[in-house]
Amino acid sequence: MNTASELLTVPEVAAWLKVDPRYVYGLASSGALDRVYVGRYVRIPAASVESYIRAHTVEAAKPVARARRPGARAHRLRAVRNA
């Protein structure tokens, strides 16, 4: 079966996202994840989970280069030069 058309159970989605199944139910009821009812069972399309992951992925911030403060060694060198 094609991954894009695959229907997943709530525990499968919870394991994929490493969250509690109640959180997946909350995402589905809020509309963040699409849901399909098969009888009384809830299924989540894999494509919906993939698009949710893409929409909520953020890039890591690049570290800011900070000016180094002169430490104790700089003070000792300055004292030796002035002596």
Protein backbone atom coordinates (compact mmCIF):
# COMPACT_ATOMS: atom_id res chain seq x y z
CA MET A 1 0.00 0.00 0.00
CA ASN A 2 1.20 3.50 -0.79
CA THR A 3 2.32 5.41 2.31
CA ALA A 4 0.41 8.51 1.20
CA SER A 5 -2.92 6.64 1.17
CA GLU A 6 -2.25 4.48 4.22
CA LEU A 7 -4.63 4.85 7.16
CA LEU A 8 -3.03 4.59 10.60
CA THR A 9 -4.56 3.84 13.97
CA VAL A 10 -4.29 6.37 16.77
CA PRO A 11 -1.74 4.22 18.69
CA GLU A 12 0.39 3.95 15.51
CA VAL A 13 0.37 7.74 15.06
CA ALA A 14 1.14 8.21 18.77
CA ALA A 15 4.11 5.84 18.47
CA TRP A 16 5.31 7.64 15.34
CA LEU A 17 5.14 11.06 17.03
CA LYS A 18 6.25 9.64 20.41
CA VAL A 19 3.28 11.18 22.21
CA ASP A 20 0.31 9.93 24.22
CA PRO A 21 -2.69 8.66 22.19
CA ARG A 22 -4.88 11.27 23.92
CA TYR A 23 -2.72 13.97 22.32
CA VAL A 24 -3.38 12.45 18.88
CA TYR A 25 -7.12 12.46 19.57
CA GLY A 26 -6.80 16.13 20.54
CA LEU A 27 -4.95 16.95 17.32
CA ALA A 28 -7.63 15.17 15.31
CA SER A 29 -10.53 16.90 17.09
CA SER A 30 -8.88 20.33 16.72
CA GLY A 31 -8.46 19.80 12.97
CA ALA A 32 -4.66 19.72 13.01
CA LEU A 33 -4.81 16.12 11.75
CA ASP A 34 -7.38 14.78 9.30
CA ARG A 35 -9.35 11.81 10.52
CA VAL A 36 -11.42 9.14 8.83
CA TYR A 37 -14.10 7.13 10.55
CA VAL A 38 -14.27 3.46 9.63
CA GLY A 39 -17.42 2.49 11.45
CA ARG A 40 -16.74 3.65 14.99
CA TYR A 41 -12.96 3.49 14.61
CA VAL A 42 -10.80 6.56 13.97
CA ARG A 43 -8.05 6.34 11.37
CA ILE A 44 -5.52 9.02 10.51
CA PRO A 45 -4.14 9.30 6.95
CA ALA A 46 -0.33 9.02 6.89
CA ALA A 47 -0.19 12.00 4.51
CA SER A 48 -1.92 14.11 7.17
CA VAL A 49 0.69 13.15 9.76
CA GLU A 50 3.52 13.91 7.33
CA SER A 51 2.09 17.33 6.49
CA TYR A 52 1.62 18.05 10.22
CA ILE A 53 5.29 17.22 10.83
CA ARG A 54 6.41 19.43 7.91
CA ALA A 55 4.22 22.32 9.11
CA HIS A 56 5.55 22.16 12.68
CA THR A 57 9.23 21.57 11.96
CA VAL A 58 11.47 24.51 12.80
CA GLU A 59 15.10 24.97 11.90
CA ALA A 60 17.62 25.19 14.66
CA ALA A 61 18.80 28.70 15.45
CA LYS A 62 22.35 29.48 14.48
CA PRO A 63 24.57 30.30 17.45
CA VAL A 64 25.30 33.99 17.86
CA ALA A 65 28.98 34.90 17.95
CA ARG A 66 29.60 36.81 21.14
CA ALA A 67 32.63 38.94 21.92
CA ARG A 68 34.82 37.26 24.47
CA ARG A 69 35.37 39.01 27.72
CA PRO A 70 39.00 39.22 28.77
CA GLY A 71 39.55 36.80 31.60
CA ALA A 72 41.97 36.70 34.50
CA ARG A 73 44.85 35.81 32.17
CA ALA A 74 44.44 39.08 30.27
CA HIS A 75 44.50 41.03 33.53
CA ARG A 76 47.70 39.24 34.64
CA LEU A 77 49.40 39.95 31.30
CA ARG A 78 48.41 43.59 31.48
CA ALA A 79 49.81 43.81 35.03
CA VAL A 80 53.10 42.23 33.95
CA ARG A 81 53.45 44.60 30.97
CA ASN A 82 52.78 47.68 33.12
CA ALA A 83 55.30 46.65 35.77
